[in-house]
């Protein structure tokens, strides 16, 4: 292995990893934003159902935590 290419290859790998991590973070932000908008739309279109769903989930969690 040539010593001058070793560190350069390592730096290239680090750069690729940083770019991949940045891309994954961007995708996660986009997915989160999409889910938030979808949730807001659901609550606006069906507020009673959203409240009852949240209430039901709370009751179930309370019962599970009680045991």
N, C-alpha and C. Protein backbone atom coordinates (compact mmCIF):
# COMPACT_ATOMS: atom_id res chain seq x y z
N UNK A 1 0.85 -1.18 0.00
CA UNK A 1 0.00 0.00 0.00
C UNK A 1 0.89 1.23 0.00
N UNK A 2 0.58 2.16 -0.81
CA UNK A 2 1.32 3.42 -0.91
C UNK A 2 0.86 4.33 0.23
N UNK A 3 1.82 4.87 1.01
CA UNK A 3 1.46 5.68 2.17
C UNK A 3 0.75 6.97 1.79
N UNK A 4 0.99 7.52 0.62
CA UNK A 4 0.33 8.77 0.23
C UNK A 4 -1.13 8.54 -0.13
N UNK A 5 -1.48 7.35 -0.58
CA UNK A 5 -2.88 7.11 -0.92
C UNK A 5 -3.69 6.64 0.29
N UNK A 6 -3.06 6.07 1.28
CA UNK A 6 -3.77 5.58 2.47
C UNK A 6 -4.56 6.67 3.15
N UNK A 7 -3.92 7.74 3.60
CA UNK A 7 -4.67 8.81 4.26
C UNK A 7 -5.69 9.47 3.34
N UNK A 8 -5.38 9.59 2.06
CA UNK A 8 -6.32 10.20 1.12
C UNK A 8 -7.57 9.33 0.98
N UNK A 9 -7.35 8.02 0.90
CA UNK A 9 -8.49 7.11 0.80
C UNK A 9 -9.34 7.19 2.07
N UNK A 10 -8.67 7.27 3.21
CA UNK A 10 -9.37 7.38 4.48
C UNK A 10 -10.20 8.66 4.52
N UNK A 11 -9.63 9.76 4.08
CA UNK A 11 -10.35 11.04 4.04
C UNK A 11 -11.55 10.95 3.10
N UNK A 12 -11.36 10.28 1.95
CA UNK A 12 -12.47 10.10 1.02
C UNK A 12 -13.61 9.30 1.66
N UNK A 13 -13.24 8.25 2.39
CA UNK A 13 -14.26 7.43 3.06
C UNK A 13 -15.00 8.25 4.12
N UNK A 14 -14.27 9.07 4.84
CA UNK A 14 -14.91 9.93 5.85
C UNK A 14 -15.87 10.89 5.17
N UNK A 15 -15.45 11.48 4.06
CA UNK A 15 -16.29 12.42 3.34
C UNK A 15 -17.56 11.72 2.84
N UNK A 16 -17.40 10.50 2.30
CA UNK A 16 -18.57 9.75 1.82
C UNK A 16 -19.53 9.43 2.98
N UNK A 17 -18.96 9.07 4.12
CA UNK A 17 -19.80 8.75 5.28
C UNK A 17 -20.57 9.99 5.75
N UNK A 18 -19.91 11.14 5.77
CA UNK A 18 -20.58 12.39 6.16
C UNK A 18 -21.70 12.73 5.21
N UNK A 19 -21.46 12.57 3.91
CA UNK A 19 -22.49 12.86 2.91
C UNK A 19 -23.68 11.91 3.07
N UNK A 20 -23.38 10.63 3.31
CA UNK A 20 -24.46 9.64 3.49
C UNK A 20 -25.27 9.96 4.74
N UNK A 21 -24.60 10.36 5.81
CA UNK A 21 -25.30 10.70 7.04
C UNK A 21 -26.16 11.95 6.83
N UNK A 22 -25.64 12.92 6.11
CA UNK A 22 -26.41 14.12 5.82
C UNK A 22 -27.64 13.81 4.99
N UNK A 23 -27.47 12.93 4.02
CA UNK A 23 -28.58 12.54 3.16
C UNK A 23 -29.66 11.80 3.97
N UNK A 24 -29.21 10.91 4.85
CA UNK A 24 -30.16 10.17 5.69
C UNK A 24 -30.91 11.12 6.62
N UNK A 25 -30.21 12.10 7.16
CA UNK A 25 -30.86 13.07 8.04
C UNK A 25 -31.89 13.90 7.27
N UNK A 26 -31.56 14.28 6.05
CA UNK A 26 -32.51 15.03 5.22
C UNK A 26 -33.76 14.20 4.94
N UNK A 27 -33.57 12.93 4.63
CA UNK A 27 -34.70 12.05 4.36
C UNK A 27 -35.57 11.89 5.60
N UNK A 28 -34.94 11.77 6.76
CA UNK A 28 -35.69 11.64 8.01
C UNK A 28 -36.49 12.91 8.29
N UNK A 29 -35.89 14.07 8.03
CA UNK A 29 -36.62 15.34 8.24
C UNK A 29 -37.81 15.43 7.31
N UNK A 30 -37.63 15.03 6.06
CA UNK A 30 -38.73 15.07 5.10
C UNK A 30 -39.84 14.12 5.51
N UNK A 31 -39.49 12.93 5.97
CA UNK A 31 -40.50 11.96 6.40
C UNK A 31 -41.25 12.47 7.62
N UNK A 32 -40.53 13.09 8.54
CA UNK A 32 -41.17 13.65 9.74
C UNK A 32 -42.12 14.77 9.37
N UNK A 33 -41.70 15.63 8.46
CA UNK A 33 -42.55 16.75 8.03
C UNK A 33 -43.80 16.23 7.32
N UNK A 34 -43.64 15.23 6.50
CA UNK A 34 -44.78 14.64 5.80
C UNK A 34 -45.76 14.01 6.79
N UNK A 35 -45.25 13.30 7.79
CA UNK A 35 -46.11 12.69 8.79
C UNK A 35 -46.84 13.75 9.60
N UNK A 36 -46.14 14.83 9.94
CA UNK A 36 -46.77 15.92 10.71
C UNK A 36 -47.91 16.54 9.92
N UNK A 37 -47.68 16.81 8.64
CA UNK A 37 -48.73 17.41 7.80
C UNK A 37 -49.92 16.47 7.67
N UNK A 38 -49.64 15.19 7.51
CA UNK A 38 -50.71 14.20 7.39
C UNK A 38 -51.53 14.15 8.68
N UNK A 39 -50.85 14.16 9.82
CA UNK A 39 -51.53 14.15 11.12
C UNK A 39 -52.38 15.40 11.30
N UNK A 40 -51.83 16.56 10.96
CA UNK A 40 -52.60 17.81 11.09
C UNK A 40 -53.84 17.79 10.20
N UNK A 41 -53.69 17.28 8.99
CA UNK A 41 -54.82 17.21 8.06
C UNK A 41 -55.90 16.28 8.62
N UNK A 42 -55.48 15.14 9.18
CA UNK A 42 -56.43 14.19 9.76
C UNK A 42 -57.19 14.84 10.92
N UNK A 43 -56.48 15.53 11.79
CA UNK A 43 -57.12 16.17 12.95
C UNK A 43 -58.09 17.26 12.49
N UNK A 44 -57.73 18.01 11.47
CA UNK A 44 -58.61 19.07 10.97
C UNK A 44 -59.85 18.49 10.30
N UNK A 45 -59.67 17.39 9.58
CA UNK A 45 -60.80 16.81 8.85
C UNK A 45 -61.72 16.00 9.76
N UNK A 46 -61.16 15.39 10.81
CA UNK A 46 -61.96 14.54 11.70
C UNK A 46 -61.57 14.78 13.16
N UNK A 47 -61.92 15.96 13.68
CA UNK A 47 -61.48 16.30 15.04
C UNK A 47 -62.07 15.39 16.12
N UNK A 48 -63.32 15.01 16.00
CA UNK A 48 -63.93 14.16 17.03
C UNK A 48 -63.27 12.79 17.05
N UNK A 49 -63.06 12.23 15.89
CA UNK A 49 -62.42 10.92 15.81
C UNK A 49 -60.99 10.99 16.36
N UNK A 50 -60.29 12.08 16.08
CA UNK A 50 -58.93 12.24 16.59
C UNK A 50 -58.92 12.32 18.11
N UNK A 51 -59.87 13.05 18.68
CA UNK A 51 -59.95 13.16 20.14
C UNK A 51 -60.29 11.81 20.76
N UNK A 52 -61.26 11.11 20.18
CA UNK A 52 -61.65 9.81 20.72
C UNK A 52 -60.51 8.80 20.60
N UNK A 53 -59.76 8.86 19.51
CA UNK A 53 -58.62 7.96 19.34
C UNK A 53 -57.56 8.24 20.40
N UNK A 54 -57.26 9.51 20.62
CA UNK A 54 -56.27 9.88 21.63
C UNK A 54 -56.75 9.46 23.03
N UNK A 55 -58.03 9.65 23.31
CA UNK A 55 -58.59 9.23 24.59
C UNK A 55 -58.47 7.73 24.77
N UNK A 56 -58.85 6.99 23.74
CA UNK A 56 -58.77 5.53 23.80
C UNK A 56 -57.34 5.04 24.00
N UNK A 57 -56.40 5.66 23.31
CA UNK A 57 -55.00 5.28 23.47
C UNK A 57 -54.54 5.58 24.90
N UNK A 58 -54.99 6.70 25.45
CA UNK A 58 -54.64 7.04 26.83
C UNK A 58 -55.19 6.04 27.83
N UNK A 59 -56.43 5.62 27.62
CA UNK A 59 -57.04 4.64 28.51
C UNK A 59 -56.27 3.32 28.45
N UNK A 60 -55.96 2.88 27.24
CA UNK A 60 -55.22 1.63 27.08
C UNK A 60 -53.86 1.71 27.74
N UNK A 61 -53.15 2.81 27.54
CA UNK A 61 -51.83 2.97 28.18
C UNK A 61 -51.95 3.00 29.69
N UNK A 62 -52.96 3.66 30.19
CA UNK A 62 -53.16 3.71 31.65
C UNK A 62 -53.41 2.31 32.20
N UNK A 63 -54.23 1.54 31.51
CA UNK A 63 -54.51 0.18 31.96
C UNK A 63 -53.26 -0.70 31.90
N UNK A 64 -52.46 -0.53 30.88
CA UNK A 64 -51.24 -1.32 30.75
C UNK A 64 -50.22 -0.94 31.82
N UNK A 65 -50.13 0.31 32.14
CA UNK A 65 -49.16 0.78 33.13
C UNK A 65 -49.60 0.42 34.55
N UNK A 66 -50.86 0.19 34.75
CA UNK A 66 -51.41 -0.13 36.04
C UNK A 66 -50.97 -1.51 36.52
N UNK A 67 -50.77 -2.41 35.58
CA UNK A 67 -50.46 -3.83 35.92
C UNK A 67 -49.05 -4.01 36.38
